[in-house]
Amino acid sequence: MLGGLFGRDVAIDLGTANTLVFVKGQGIVLSEPSVVAIDNKTDKVVAVGSTAKRMLGRTPGNIVALRPLKDGVIADFEVTEKMLSYFIRKAQPRRMAFKSLIGPRVVVCVPSGVTGVELRAVKEATESAGARQAYTVEEPLAAAIGAGLPVNEAQGSMIVDIGGGTSEVAVISLGGIVTKSSIRIAGDDIDDAITTYIQKEYKLAIGTQTAEQLKIELGSAFKLEGEESAEIRGRDLVAGLPKTIVITSEEVREAISVPVDAIVAAVRDTLDRTPPELASDIMDRGMVLAGGGALLRLIDERLRRETQIPVHVADEPLMCVAIGSGRCLEELEYYRSALSSS
């Protein structure tokens, strides 16, 4: 009888750019940008997710739209707590009335390079948001599970998870991470590199959403067969007036070369430190790319050429971490070694 009073357990891919929520027995029920709009006068949440993201760079003086996570970890504790509370409530709106009795168990993904202080902040924010128990799972492990890799077997599986704030590279065997690299260079840094390039070369200021759109439309990690171009609008830094320019895919590739090179270097570094037997498995089976960065055009080809190892992009790269953490939740005993609750 009491069992029915408990909220459904949830797994949360708490990303720098997007948050996905997996509800036990239902799958992924929510995918929204990790953005919160706050009214400075009343300290109340005005909007969360997609609605808040549309407000970025467009708010009046009393409202601030911000992203409470930076480099995959909590930068603003109170705002993260409010955002988590909103997402947990939205995932199961009717079941949060008696928080002390029915709060769900929550699994939250964290970067593998997270510090002890950052880990505690995630757990405390999750419990404050209404969880009766908070577990954490390392992102590359969750991504590997979500991509369908045999993580609990005695063979090497390699995952490259390029998110918004961090890029995680890991070699996994027997349910644990053997070798890993976690760098705080990822999708957001690629956006910033585009913004900086255009500012420097064209004296034009553009917003983060314009930079992200350019990354999606023109970005690539390797030379394209047919180069492309696009018109973009921004503010002329000299005249202070709106201005339109045309930028090519070659320029965008040049602009993002530094962060892309850093991600490639992290993959090579991880391979250099991988035990020979596991390296042999990876040579046979290849590595798998997950996260939003896996959608950057020809990133798989670039890594294939740099490492001489087969590279596969996961079927649903944006959802791998959420699906994997959800599987941990549904098969708690099988994946017990992957979870931390302390």
C-alpha atoms as a PDB file:
ATOM      1  CA  MET A   1       0.000   0.000   0.000  1.00  0.00           C
ATOM      2  CA  LEU A   2       2.729   2.451   0.969  1.00  0.00           C
ATOM      3  CA  GLY A   3       4.726   1.539  -2.179  1.00  0.00           C
ATOM      4  CA  GLY A   4       2.111   3.248  -4.341  1.00  0.00           C
ATOM      5  CA  LEU A   5       2.656   6.524  -2.486  1.00  0.00           C
ATOM      6  CA  PHE A   6       6.248   6.868  -3.662  1.00  0.00           C
ATOM      7  CA  GLY A   7       7.008   8.984  -6.713  1.00  0.00           C
ATOM      8  CA  ARG A   8       8.432   7.253  -9.757  1.00  0.00           C
ATOM      9  CA  ASP A   9      12.217   7.119  -9.711  1.00  0.00           C
ATOM     10  CA  VAL A  10      13.949   9.377 -12.212  1.00  0.00           C
ATOM     11  CA  ALA A  11      17.358   9.644 -13.876  1.00  0.00           C
ATOM     12  CA  ILE A  12      18.614  13.074 -14.883  1.00  0.00           C
ATOM     13  CA  ASP A  13      21.251  13.924 -17.466  1.00  0.00           C
ATOM     14  CA  LEU A  14      22.095  17.291 -15.919  1.00  0.00           C
ATOM     15  CA  GLY A  15      24.018  18.836 -18.789  1.00  0.00           C
ATOM     16  CA  THR A  16      25.590  22.250 -19.216  1.00  0.00           C
ATOM     17  CA  ALA A  17      23.519  22.845 -22.367  1.00  0.00           C
ATOM     18  CA  ASN A  18      20.511  20.513 -21.975  1.00  0.00           C
ATOM     19  CA  THR A  19      18.808  18.502 -19.247  1.00  0.00           C
ATOM     20  CA  LEU A  20      17.060  15.222 -20.043  1.00  0.00           C
ATOM     21  CA  VAL A  21      14.803  13.393 -17.595  1.00  0.00           C
ATOM     22  CA  PHE A  22      14.178   9.634 -17.702  1.00  0.00           C
ATOM     23  CA  VAL A  23      11.276   8.280 -15.654  1.00  0.00           C
ATOM     24  CA  LYS A  24      11.386   4.630 -14.583  1.00  0.00           C
ATOM     25  CA  GLY A  25       8.904   2.643 -16.654  1.00  0.00           C
ATOM     26  CA  GLN A  26       8.309   5.485 -19.130  1.00  0.00           C
ATOM     27  CA  GLY A  27      11.668   6.365 -20.707  1.00  0.00           C
ATOM     28  CA  ILE A  28      12.782   9.916 -21.558  1.00  0.00           C
ATOM     29  CA  VAL A  29       9.878  12.242 -20.812  1.00  0.00           C
ATOM     30  CA  LEU A  30      11.599  15.608 -20.947  1.00  0.00           C
ATOM     31  CA  SER A  31      14.447  17.270 -22.831  1.00  0.00           C
ATOM     32  CA  GLU A  32      14.962  20.980 -22.266  1.00  0.00           C
ATOM     33  CA  PRO A  33      17.808  23.537 -22.292  1.00  0.00           C
ATOM     34  CA  SER A  34      19.532  24.018 -18.897  1.00  0.00           C
ATOM     35  CA  VAL A  35      18.478  27.655 -18.698  1.00  0.00           C
ATOM     36  CA  VAL A  36      16.559  29.509 -15.971  1.00  0.00           C
ATOM     37  CA  ALA A  37      15.094  33.025 -16.103  1.00  0.00           C
ATOM     38  CA  ILE A  38      14.945  34.785 -12.711  1.00  0.00           C
ATOM     39  CA  ASP A  39      13.234  38.030 -11.700  1.00  0.00           C
ATOM     40  CA  ASN A  40      15.888  39.946  -9.727  1.00  0.00           C
ATOM     41  CA  LYS A  41      13.312  41.984  -7.824  1.00  0.00           C
ATOM     42  CA  THR A  42      11.332  39.051  -6.434  1.00  0.00           C
ATOM     43  CA  ASP A  43      13.969  36.282  -6.793  1.00  0.00           C
ATOM     44  CA  LYS A  44      11.259  34.141  -8.415  1.00  0.00           C
ATOM     45  CA  VAL A  45      11.679  31.822 -11.390  1.00  0.00           C
ATOM     46  CA  VAL A  46      10.046  33.359 -14.466  1.00  0.00           C
ATOM     47  CA  ALA A  47      10.781  30.532 -16.909  1.00  0.00           C
ATOM     48  CA  VAL A  48      12.795  27.315 -17.215  1.00  0.00           C
ATOM     49  CA  GLY A  49      14.027  25.350 -20.224  1.00  0.00           C
ATOM     50  CA  SER A  50      13.059  26.238 -23.792  1.00  0.00           C
ATOM     51  CA  THR A  51      11.086  29.346 -22.796  1.00  0.00           C
ATOM     52  CA  ALA A  52      14.029  30.646 -20.750  1.00  0.00           C
ATOM     53  CA  LYS A  53      16.518  29.909 -23.554  1.00  0.00           C
ATOM     54  CA  ARG A  54      14.520  32.101 -25.938  1.00  0.00           C
ATOM     55  CA  MET A  55      15.025  34.925 -23.438  1.00  0.00           C
ATOM     56  CA  LEU A  56      18.855  34.739 -23.503  1.00  0.00           C
ATOM     57  CA  GLY A  57      20.174  38.153 -24.535  1.00  0.00           C
ATOM     58  CA  ARG A  58      16.625  39.537 -24.827  1.00  0.00           C
ATOM     59  CA  THR A  59      15.538  40.240 -21.236  1.00  0.00           C
ATOM     60  CA  PRO A  60      14.641  43.579 -19.599  1.00  0.00           C
ATOM     61  CA  GLY A  61      16.752  44.872 -16.686  1.00  0.00           C
ATOM     62  CA  ASN A  62      14.871  43.096 -13.895  1.00  0.00           C
ATOM     63  CA  ILE A  63      14.978  39.624 -15.496  1.00  0.00           C
ATOM     64  CA  VAL A  64      18.151  37.614 -16.021  1.00  0.00           C
ATOM     65  CA  ALA A  65      18.283  34.416 -18.107  1.00  0.00           C
ATOM     66  CA  LEU A  66      21.225  32.263 -17.093  1.00  0.00           C
ATOM     67  CA  ARG A  67      22.713  28.803 -17.315  1.00  0.00           C
ATOM     68  CA  PRO A  68      23.380  27.577 -13.749  1.00  0.00           C
ATOM     69  CA  LEU A  69      25.893  24.922 -14.854  1.00  0.00           C
ATOM     70  CA  LYS A  70      29.340  25.628 -16.226  1.00  0.00           C
ATOM     71  CA  ASP A  71      31.798  23.017 -17.519  1.00  0.00           C
ATOM     72  CA  GLY A  72      29.387  20.262 -16.488  1.00  0.00           C
ATOM     73  CA  VAL A  73      29.232  21.295 -12.822  1.00  0.00           C
ATOM     74  CA  ILE A  74      27.081  23.565 -10.677  1.00  0.00           C
ATOM     75  CA  ALA A  75      28.070  27.229 -10.913  1.00  0.00           C
ATOM     76  CA  ASP A  76      24.949  28.566  -9.140  1.00  0.00           C
ATOM     77  CA  PHE A  77      23.635  26.215  -6.435  1.00  0.00           C
ATOM     78  CA  GLU A  78      20.296  27.933  -5.690  1.00  0.00           C
ATOM     79  CA  VAL A  79      19.309  28.307  -9.344  1.00  0.00           C
ATOM     80  CA  THR A  80      20.303  24.687 -10.099  1.00  0.00           C
ATOM     81  CA  GLU A  81      18.127  23.536  -7.187  1.00  0.00           C
ATOM     82  CA  LYS A  82      15.164  25.499  -8.583  1.00  0.00           C
ATOM     83  CA  MET A  83      15.750  24.101 -12.065  1.00  0.00           C
ATOM     84  CA  LEU A  84      15.998  20.509 -10.779  1.00  0.00           C
ATOM     85  CA  SER A  85      12.872  20.952  -8.691  1.00  0.00           C
ATOM     86  CA  TYR A  86      11.009  22.223 -11.762  1.00  0.00           C
ATOM     87  CA  PHE A  87      12.163  19.297 -13.939  1.00  0.00           C
ATOM     88  CA  ILE A  88      11.396  16.631 -11.282  1.00  0.00           C
ATOM     89  CA  ARG A  89       7.946  18.172 -10.712  1.00  0.00           C
ATOM     90  CA  LYS A  90       7.255  18.390 -14.446  1.00  0.00           C
ATOM     91  CA  ALA A  91       8.246  14.737 -14.910  1.00  0.00           C
ATOM     92  CA  GLN A  92       5.686  13.634 -12.271  1.00  0.00           C
ATOM     93  CA  PRO A  93       3.473  16.628 -11.397  1.00  0.00           C
ATOM     94  CA  ARG A  94       0.853  14.898  -9.247  1.00  0.00           C
ATOM     95  CA  ARG A  95       3.209  13.018  -6.934  1.00  0.00           C
ATOM     96  CA  MET A  96       5.185  15.714  -5.150  1.00  0.00           C
ATOM     97  CA  ALA A  97       2.603  16.894  -2.624  1.00  0.00           C
ATOM     98  CA  PHE A  98       4.079  14.906   0.285  1.00  0.00           C
ATOM     99  CA  LYS A  99       7.785  15.364  -0.368  1.00  0.00           C
ATOM    100  CA  SER A 100       8.973  13.707   2.832  1.00  0.00           C
ATOM    101  CA  LEU A 101       6.974  10.575   2.058  1.00  0.00           C
ATOM    102  CA  ILE A 102       7.039  10.228  -1.707  1.00  0.00           C
ATOM    103  CA  GLY A 103      10.183  11.896  -3.035  1.00  0.00           C
ATOM    104  CA  PRO A 104      11.617   9.722  -5.836  1.00  0.00           C
ATOM    105  CA  ARG A 105      15.042   8.135  -5.983  1.00  0.00           C
ATOM    106  CA  VAL A 106      17.082  10.162  -8.459  1.00  0.00           C
ATOM    107  CA  VAL A 107      20.169   9.205 -10.465  1.00  0.00           C
ATOM    108  CA  VAL A 108      22.160  12.222 -11.711  1.00  0.00           C
ATOM    109  CA  CYS A 109      25.026  12.094 -14.217  1.00  0.00           C
ATOM    110  CA  VAL A 110      28.276  13.903 -13.382  1.00  0.00           C
ATOM    111  CA  PRO A 111      31.513  14.425 -15.351  1.00  0.00           C
ATOM    112  CA  SER A 112      34.225  11.852 -14.545  1.00  0.00           C
ATOM    113  CA  GLY A 113      36.618  14.675 -13.608  1.00  0.00           C
ATOM    114  CA  VAL A 114      34.284  16.101 -10.942  1.00  0.00           C
ATOM    115  CA  THR A 115      35.785  17.049  -7.563  1.00  0.00           C
ATOM    116  CA  GLY A 116      34.459  15.880  -4.194  1.00  0.00           C
ATOM    117  CA  VAL A 117      33.037  19.341  -3.472  1.00  0.00           C
ATOM    118  CA  GLU A 118      31.279  19.479  -6.866  1.00  0.00           C
ATOM    119  CA  LEU A 119      29.888  15.973  -6.330  1.00  0.00           C
ATOM    120  CA  ARG A 120      28.429  16.943  -2.941  1.00  0.00           C
ATOM    121  CA  ALA A 121      26.881  20.054  -4.493  1.00  0.00           C
ATOM    122  CA  VAL A 122      25.055  17.905  -7.099  1.00  0.00           C
ATOM    123  CA  LYS A 123      23.728  15.513  -4.434  1.00  0.00           C
ATOM    124  CA  GLU A 124      22.647  18.308  -2.093  1.00  0.00           C
ATOM    125  CA  ALA A 125      20.902  20.203  -4.899  1.00  0.00           C
ATOM    126  CA  THR A 126      19.099  17.003  -5.971  1.00  0.00           C
ATOM    127  CA  GLU A 127      17.950  16.198  -2.420  1.00  0.00           C
ATOM    128  CA  SER A 128      16.881  19.819  -1.851  1.00  0.00           C
ATOM    129  CA  ALA A 129      14.853  19.602  -5.064  1.00  0.00           C
ATOM    130  CA  GLY A 130      12.778  16.737  -3.624  1.00  0.00           C
ATOM    131  CA  ALA A 131      14.694  13.461  -4.047  1.00  0.00           C
ATOM    132  CA  ARG A 132      14.463  10.978  -1.176  1.00  0.00           C
ATOM    133  CA  GLN A 133      17.804   9.519  -2.253  1.00  0.00           C
ATOM    134  CA  ALA A 134      20.347  10.828  -4.757  1.00  0.00           C
ATOM    135  CA  TYR A 135      22.765   8.635  -6.679  1.00  0.00           C
ATOM    136  CA  THR A 136      25.411   9.792  -9.127  1.00  0.00           C
ATOM    137  CA  VAL A 137      26.879   8.010 -12.145  1.00  0.00           C
ATOM    138  CA  GLU A 138      29.865   9.104 -14.199  1.00  0.00           C
ATOM    139  CA  GLU A 139      28.813  10.455 -17.603  1.00  0.00           C
ATOM    140  CA  PRO A 140      31.076   8.312 -19.818  1.00  0.00           C
ATOM    141  CA  LEU A 141      29.832   5.153 -18.067  1.00  0.00           C
ATOM    142  CA  ALA A 142      26.190   6.214 -18.525  1.00  0.00           C
ATOM    143  CA  ALA A 143      26.876   7.145 -22.170  1.00  0.00           C
ATOM    144  CA  ALA A 144      28.472   3.733 -22.822  1.00  0.00           C
ATOM    145  CA  ILE A 145      25.494   1.919 -21.265  1.00  0.00           C
ATOM    146  CA  GLY A 146      23.089   4.091 -23.287  1.00  0.00           C
ATOM    147  CA  ALA A 147      25.017   3.376 -26.492  1.00  0.00           C
ATOM    148  CA  GLY A 148      24.605  -0.357 -25.886  1.00  0.00           C
ATOM    149  CA  LEU A 149      28.254  -1.162 -25.131  1.00  0.00           C
ATOM    150  CA  PRO A 150      28.916  -4.329 -23.049  1.00  0.00           C
ATOM    151  CA  VAL A 151      30.342  -2.417 -20.076  1.00  0.00           C
ATOM    152  CA  ASN A 152      30.104  -5.308 -17.587  1.00  0.00           C
ATOM    153  CA  GLU A 153      32.031  -7.767 -19.767  1.00  0.00           C
ATOM    154  CA  ALA A 154      35.770  -8.490 -19.661  1.00  0.00           C
ATOM    155  CA  GLN A 155      36.528  -6.575 -22.830  1.00  0.00           C
ATOM    156  CA  GLY A 156      37.460  -2.991 -23.651  1.00  0.00           C
ATOM    157  CA  SER A 157      34.772  -0.521 -24.709  1.00  0.00           C
ATOM    158  CA  MET A 158      35.729   3.045 -25.615  1.00  0.00           C
ATOM    159  CA  ILE A 159      33.317   5.972 -25.398  1.00  0.00           C
ATOM    160  CA  VAL A 160      33.884   9.612 -26.386  1.00  0.00           C
ATOM    161  CA  ASP A 161      31.123  11.805 -24.932  1.00  0.00           C
ATOM    162  CA  ILE A 162      31.333  15.414 -26.194  1.00  0.00           C
ATOM    163  CA  GLY A 163      28.790  17.486 -24.277  1.00  0.00           C
ATOM    164  CA  GLY A 164      28.200  21.194 -23.790  1.00  0.00           C
ATOM    165  CA  GLY A 165      30.659  21.812 -20.950  1.00  0.00           C
ATOM    166  CA  THR A 166      32.922  18.752 -20.837  1.00  0.00           C
ATOM    167  CA  SER A 167      34.363  16.140 -23.177  1.00  0.00           C
ATOM    168  CA  GLU A 168      34.691  12.721 -21.553  1.00  0.00           C
ATOM    169  CA  VAL A 169      36.810   9.940 -22.995  1.00  0.00           C
ATOM    170  CA  ALA A 170      36.868   6.574 -21.250  1.00  0.00           C
ATOM    171  CA  VAL A 171      37.901   2.957 -21.727  1.00  0.00           C
ATOM    172  CA  ILE A 172      35.562   0.683 -19.779  1.00  0.00           C
ATOM    173  CA  SER A 173      35.825  -2.972 -18.761  1.00  0.00           C
ATOM    174  CA  LEU A 174      34.080  -5.152 -16.123  1.00  0.00           C
ATOM    175  CA  GLY A 175      31.670  -2.375 -15.126  1.00  0.00           C
ATOM    176  CA  GLY A 176      34.310   0.244 -14.348  1.00  0.00           C
ATOM    177  CA  ILE A 177      36.408   2.952 -16.002  1.00  0.00           C
ATOM    178  CA  VAL A 178      39.973   1.749 -16.601  1.00  0.00           C
ATOM    179  CA  THR A 179      41.422   4.826 -18.330  1.00  0.00           C
ATOM    180  CA  LYS A 180      39.817   8.231 -18.779  1.00  0.00           C
ATOM    181  CA  SER A 181      40.337  11.835 -19.796  1.00  0.00           C
ATOM    182  CA  SER A 182      37.911  14.565 -18.764  1.00  0.00           C
ATOM    183  CA  ILE A 183      38.511  18.014 -20.226  1.00  0.00           C
ATOM    184  CA  ARG A 184      36.407  21.112 -19.720  1.00  0.00           C
ATOM    185  CA  ILE A 185      36.425  21.891 -23.423  1.00  0.00           C
ATOM    186  CA  ALA A 186      33.324  20.986 -25.406  1.00  0.00           C
ATOM    187  CA  GLY A 187      30.363  22.397 -27.363  1.00  0.00           C
ATOM    188  CA  ASP A 188      30.208  25.714 -25.492  1.00  0.00           C
ATOM    189  CA  ASP A 189      33.892  26.351 -26.196  1.00  0.00           C
ATOM    190  CA  ILE A 190      33.274  25.688 -29.890  1.00  0.00           C
ATOM    191  CA  ASP A 191      30.474  28.312 -29.800  1.00  0.00           C
ATOM    192  CA  ASP A 192      32.769  30.770 -27.974  1.00  0.00           C
ATOM    193  CA  ALA A 193      35.533  30.193 -30.540  1.00  0.00           C
ATOM    194  CA  ILE A 194      33.133  31.125 -33.360  1.00  0.00           C
ATOM    195  CA  THR A 195      32.017  34.270 -31.494  1.00  0.00           C
ATOM    196  CA  THR A 196      35.639  35.324 -30.862  1.00  0.00           C
ATOM    197  CA  TYR A 197      36.697  34.678 -34.475  1.00  0.00           C
ATOM    198  CA  ILE A 198      33.886  36.790 -35.936  1.00  0.00           C
ATOM    199  CA  GLN A 199      34.546  39.559 -33.439  1.00  0.00           C
ATOM    200  CA  LYS A 200      38.250  39.576 -34.308  1.00  0.00           C
ATOM    201  CA  GLU A 201      38.012  39.160 -38.095  1.00  0.00           C
ATOM    202  CA  TYR A 202      34.838  41.125 -38.853  1.00  0.00           C
ATOM    203  CA  LYS A 203      34.497  43.454 -35.825  1.00  0.00           C
ATOM    204  CA  LEU A 204      31.003  42.024 -35.429  1.00  0.00           C
ATOM    205  CA  ALA A 205      29.332  41.034 -32.131  1.00  0.00           C
ATOM    206  CA  ILE A 206      26.996  38.019 -32.331  1.00  0.00           C
ATOM    207  CA  GLY A 207      24.972  36.190 -29.670  1.00  0.00           C
ATOM    208  CA  THR A 208      25.524  32.670 -28.362  1.00  0.00           C
ATOM    209  CA  GLN A 209      22.488  31.326 -30.210  1.00  0.00           C
ATOM    210  CA  THR A 210      23.800  32.666 -33.539  1.00  0.00           C
ATOM    211  CA  ALA A 211      27.185  31.028 -32.859  1.00  0.00           C
ATOM    212  CA  GLU A 212      25.489  27.726 -32.035  1.00  0.00           C
ATOM    213  CA  GLN A 213      23.463  27.897 -35.255  1.00  0.00           C
ATOM    214  CA  LEU A 214      26.647  28.524 -37.258  1.00  0.00           C
ATOM    215  CA  LYS A 215      28.281  25.501 -35.599  1.00  0.00           C
ATOM    216  CA  ILE A 216      25.330  23.316 -36.618  1.00  0.00           C
ATOM    217  CA  GLU A 217      25.012  24.669 -40.177  1.00  0.00           C
ATOM    218  CA  LEU A 218      28.654  25.209 -41.188  1.00  0.00           C
ATOM    219  CA  GLY A 219      30.853  23.568 -38.555  1.00  0.00           C
ATOM    220  CA  SER A 220      33.042  20.568 -39.394  1.00  0.00           C
ATOM    221  CA  ALA A 221      36.118  18.861 -37.964  1.00  0.00           C
ATOM    222  CA  PHE A 222      37.486  17.912 -41.383  1.00  0.00           C
ATOM    223  CA  LYS A 223      37.465  19.423 -44.879  1.00  0.00           C
ATOM    224  CA  LEU A 224      34.062  19.206 -46.581  1.00  0.00           C
ATOM    225  CA  GLU A 225      33.643  18.004 -50.163  1.00  0.00           C
ATOM    226  CA  GLY A 226      31.639  21.099 -51.022  1.00  0.00           C
ATOM    227  CA  GLU A 227      32.292  24.135 -48.849  1.00  0.00           C
ATOM    228  CA  GLU A 228      29.265  26.216 -47.807  1.00  0.00           C
ATOM    229  CA  SER A 229      28.467  29.737 -46.629  1.00  0.00           C
ATOM    230  CA  ALA A 230      25.788  31.540 -44.622  1.00  0.00           C
ATOM    231  CA  GLU A 231      24.621  35.081 -43.900  1.00  0.00           C
ATOM    232  CA  ILE A 232      24.740  36.221 -40.304  1.00  0.00           C
ATOM    233  CA  ARG A 233      23.596  39.397 -38.578  1.00  0.00           C
ATOM    234  CA  GLY A 234      25.107  41.122 -35.585  1.00  0.00           C
ATOM    235  CA  ARG A 235      26.187  44.492 -34.224  1.00  0.00           C
ATOM    236  CA  ASP A 236      29.072  46.327 -35.855  1.00  0.00           C
ATOM    237  CA  LEU A 237      31.561  47.019 -33.057  1.00  0.00           C
ATOM    238  CA  VAL A 238      32.917  50.097 -34.865  1.00  0.00           C
ATOM    239  CA  ALA A 239      29.709  51.814 -36.005  1.00  0.00           C
ATOM    240  CA  GLY A 240      27.465  50.306 -33.320  1.00  0.00           C
ATOM    241  CA  LEU A 241      24.797  49.533 -35.928  1.00  0.00           C
ATOM    242  CA  PRO A 242      23.286  46.226 -37.160  1.00  0.00           C
ATOM    243  CA  LYS A 243      25.358  44.604 -39.908  1.00  0.00           C
ATOM    244  CA  THR A 244      25.159  41.510 -42.137  1.00  0.00           C
ATOM    245  CA  ILE A 245      28.171  39.466 -43.281  1.00  0.00           C
ATOM    246  CA  VAL A 246      28.718  36.201 -45.177  1.00  0.00           C
ATOM    247  CA  ILE A 247      30.906  33.547 -43.521  1.00  0.00           C
ATOM    248  CA  THR A 248      32.153  30.283 -45.030  1.00  0.00           C
ATOM    249  CA  SER A 249      32.462  26.767 -43.627  1.00  0.00           C
ATOM    250  CA  GLU A 250      36.271  27.016 -44.064  1.00  0.00           C
ATOM    251  CA  GLU A 251      36.325  30.040 -41.748  1.00  0.00           C
ATOM    252  CA  VAL A 252      34.165  28.265 -39.155  1.00  0.00           C
ATOM    253  CA  ARG A 253      36.472  25.227 -39.312  1.00  0.00           C
ATOM    254  CA  GLU A 254      39.463  27.500 -38.736  1.00  0.00           C
ATOM    255  CA  ALA A 255      37.636  29.249 -35.870  1.00  0.00           C
ATOM    256  CA  ILE A 256      36.881  25.991 -34.017  1.00  0.00           C
ATOM    257  CA  SER A 257      40.222  24.281 -34.678  1.00  0.00           C
ATOM    258  CA  VAL A 258      41.652  24.879 -31.172  1.00  0.00           C
ATOM    259  CA  PRO A 259      38.809  23.235 -29.157  1.00  0.00           C
ATOM    260  CA  VAL A 260      38.459  20.427 -31.724  1.00  0.00           C
ATOM    261  CA  ASP A 261      42.220  19.760 -31.550  1.00  0.00           C
ATOM    262  CA  ALA A 262      41.963  19.603 -27.735  1.00  0.00           C
ATOM    263  CA  ILE A 263      39.203  16.956 -27.946  1.00  0.00           C
ATOM    264  CA  VAL A 264      41.260  14.904 -30.434  1.00  0.00           C
ATOM    265  CA  ALA A 265      44.307  15.197 -28.115  1.00  0.00           C
ATOM    266  CA  ALA A 266      42.222  13.895 -25.169  1.00  0.00           C
ATOM    267  CA  VAL A 267      41.227  10.831 -27.219  1.00  0.00           C
ATOM    268  CA  ARG A 268      44.847  10.160 -28.197  1.00  0.00           C
ATOM    269  CA  ASP A 269      46.005  10.632 -24.586  1.00  0.00           C
ATOM    270  CA  THR A 270      43.442   8.100 -23.329  1.00  0.00           C
ATOM    271  CA  LEU A 271      44.519   5.571 -25.960  1.00  0.00           C
ATOM    272  CA  ASP A 272      48.182   6.095 -25.014  1.00  0.00           C
ATOM    273  CA  ARG A 273      47.373   5.100 -21.421  1.00  0.00           C
ATOM    274  CA  THR A 274      45.154   2.114 -22.258  1.00  0.00           C
ATOM    275  CA  PRO A 275      46.462  -1.369 -21.257  1.00  0.00           C
ATOM    276  CA  PRO A 276      47.535  -3.447 -24.321  1.00  0.00           C
ATOM    277  CA  GLU A 277      44.786  -6.102 -24.019  1.00  0.00           C
ATOM    278  CA  LEU A 278      42.051  -3.479 -23.903  1.00  0.00           C
ATOM    279  CA  ALA A 279      43.702  -1.480 -26.701  1.00  0.00           C
ATOM    280  CA  SER A 280      43.530  -4.640 -28.833  1.00  0.00           C
ATOM    281  CA  ASP A 281      39.760  -4.906 -28.149  1.00  0.00           C
ATOM    282  CA  ILE A 282      39.281  -1.263 -29.169  1.00  0.00           C
ATOM    283  CA  MET A 283      41.279  -1.786 -32.375  1.00  0.00           C
ATOM    284  CA  ASP A 284      38.814  -4.568 -33.274  1.00  0.00           C
ATOM    285  CA  ARG A 285      35.563  -2.951 -32.148  1.00  0.00           C
ATOM    286  CA  GLY A 286      36.346   0.758 -32.425  1.00  0.00           C
ATOM    287  CA  MET A 287      35.230   3.709 -30.319  1.00  0.00           C
ATOM    288  CA  VAL A 288      31.729   5.171 -30.040  1.00  0.00           C
ATOM    289  CA  LEU A 289      30.896   8.889 -30.105  1.00  0.00           C
ATOM    290  CA  ALA A 290      28.055  10.291 -27.984  1.00  0.00           C
ATOM    291  CA  GLY A 291      26.812  13.713 -26.868  1.00  0.00           C
ATOM    292  CA  GLY A 292      25.874  16.750 -28.963  1.00  0.00           C
ATOM    293  CA  GLY A 293      29.471  17.137 -30.161  1.00  0.00           C
ATOM    294  CA  ALA A 294      29.185  13.787 -31.973  1.00  0.00           C
ATOM    295  CA  LEU A 295      26.890  15.612 -34.428  1.00  0.00           C
ATOM    296  CA  LEU A 296      29.694  17.970 -35.529  1.00  0.00           C
ATOM    297  CA  ARG A 297      30.210  17.025 -39.153  1.00  0.00           C
ATOM    298  CA  LEU A 298      33.141  14.697 -39.916  1.00  0.00           C
ATOM    299  CA  ILE A 299      34.337  14.527 -36.290  1.00  0.00           C
ATOM    300  CA  ASP A 300      34.240  10.728 -36.739  1.00  0.00           C
ATOM    301  CA  GLU A 301      36.396  10.944 -39.880  1.00  0.00           C
ATOM    302  CA  ARG A 302      38.882  13.240 -38.131  1.00  0.00           C
ATOM    303  CA  LEU A 303      39.251  10.820 -35.188  1.00  0.00           C
ATOM    304  CA  ARG A 304      39.480   7.837 -37.546  1.00  0.00           C
ATOM    305  CA  ARG A 305      42.399   9.426 -39.392  1.00  0.00           C
ATOM    306  CA  GLU A 306      44.147  10.615 -36.226  1.00  0.00           C
ATOM    307  CA  THR A 307      43.932   7.296 -34.344  1.00  0.00           C
ATOM    308  CA  GLN A 308      43.662   4.647 -37.114  1.00  0.00           C
ATOM    309  CA  ILE A 309      40.803   3.100 -35.104  1.00  0.00           C
ATOM    310  CA  PRO A 310      37.203   2.513 -36.332  1.00  0.00           C
ATOM    311  CA  VAL A 311      34.836   5.274 -35.108  1.00  0.00           C
ATOM    312  CA  HIS A 312      31.059   4.883 -34.799  1.00  0.00           C
ATOM    313  CA  VAL A 313      28.500   7.534 -33.903  1.00  0.00           C
ATOM    314  CA  ALA A 314      25.860   6.286 -31.438  1.00  0.00           C
ATOM    315  CA  ASP A 315      22.320   5.891 -32.795  1.00  0.00           C
ATOM    316  CA  GLU A 316      20.952   8.650 -30.552  1.00  0.00           C
ATOM    317  CA  PRO A 317      24.040  10.569 -29.383  1.00  0.00           C
ATOM    318  CA  LEU A 318      22.076  13.305 -27.587  1.00  0.00           C
ATOM    319  CA  MET A 319      20.167  10.757 -25.508  1.00  0.00           C
ATOM    320  CA  CYS A 320      22.880   8.191 -24.667  1.00  0.00           C
ATOM    321  CA  VAL A 321      23.674   9.567 -21.195  1.00  0.00           C
ATOM    322  CA  ALA A 322      19.987   9.839 -20.206  1.00  0.00           C
ATOM    323  CA  ILE A 323      19.184   6.355 -21.554  1.00  0.00           C
ATOM    324  CA  GLY A 324      22.224   4.886 -19.786  1.00  0.00           C
ATOM    325  CA  SER A 325      21.435   6.492 -16.432  1.00  0.00           C
ATOM    326  CA  GLY A 326      17.836   5.313 -16.857  1.00  0.00           C
ATOM    327  CA  ARG A 327      19.045   1.751 -17.368  1.00  0.00           C
ATOM    328  CA  CYS A 328      21.097   2.046 -14.170  1.00  0.00           C
ATOM    329  CA  LEU A 329      17.870   3.040 -12.415  1.00  0.00           C
ATOM    330  CA  GLU A 330      15.813   0.188 -13.890  1.00  0.00           C
ATOM    331  CA  GLU A 331      18.514  -2.448 -13.253  1.00  0.00           C
ATOM    332  CA  LEU A 332      19.870  -1.065  -9.990  1.00  0.00           C
ATOM    333  CA  GLU A 333      21.495  -4.298  -8.817  1.00  0.00           C
ATOM    334  CA  TYR A 334      23.145  -5.090 -12.161  1.00  0.00           C
ATOM    335  CA  TYR A 335      24.693  -1.608 -12.402  1.00  0.00           C
ATOM    336  CA  ARG A 336      25.205  -1.108  -8.645  1.00  0.00           C
ATOM    337  CA  SER A 337      28.994  -0.743  -9.089  1.00  0.00           C
ATOM    338  CA  ALA A 338      28.456   2.199 -11.461  1.00  0.00           C
ATOM    339  CA  LEU A 339      26.436   4.215  -8.920  1.00  0.00           C
ATOM    340  CA  SER A 340      27.599   6.294  -5.990  1.00  0.00           C
ATOM    341  CA  SER A 341      25.216   7.239  -3.165  1.00  0.00           C
ATOM    342  CA  SER A 342      27.631   8.406  -0.461  1.00  0.00           C
END
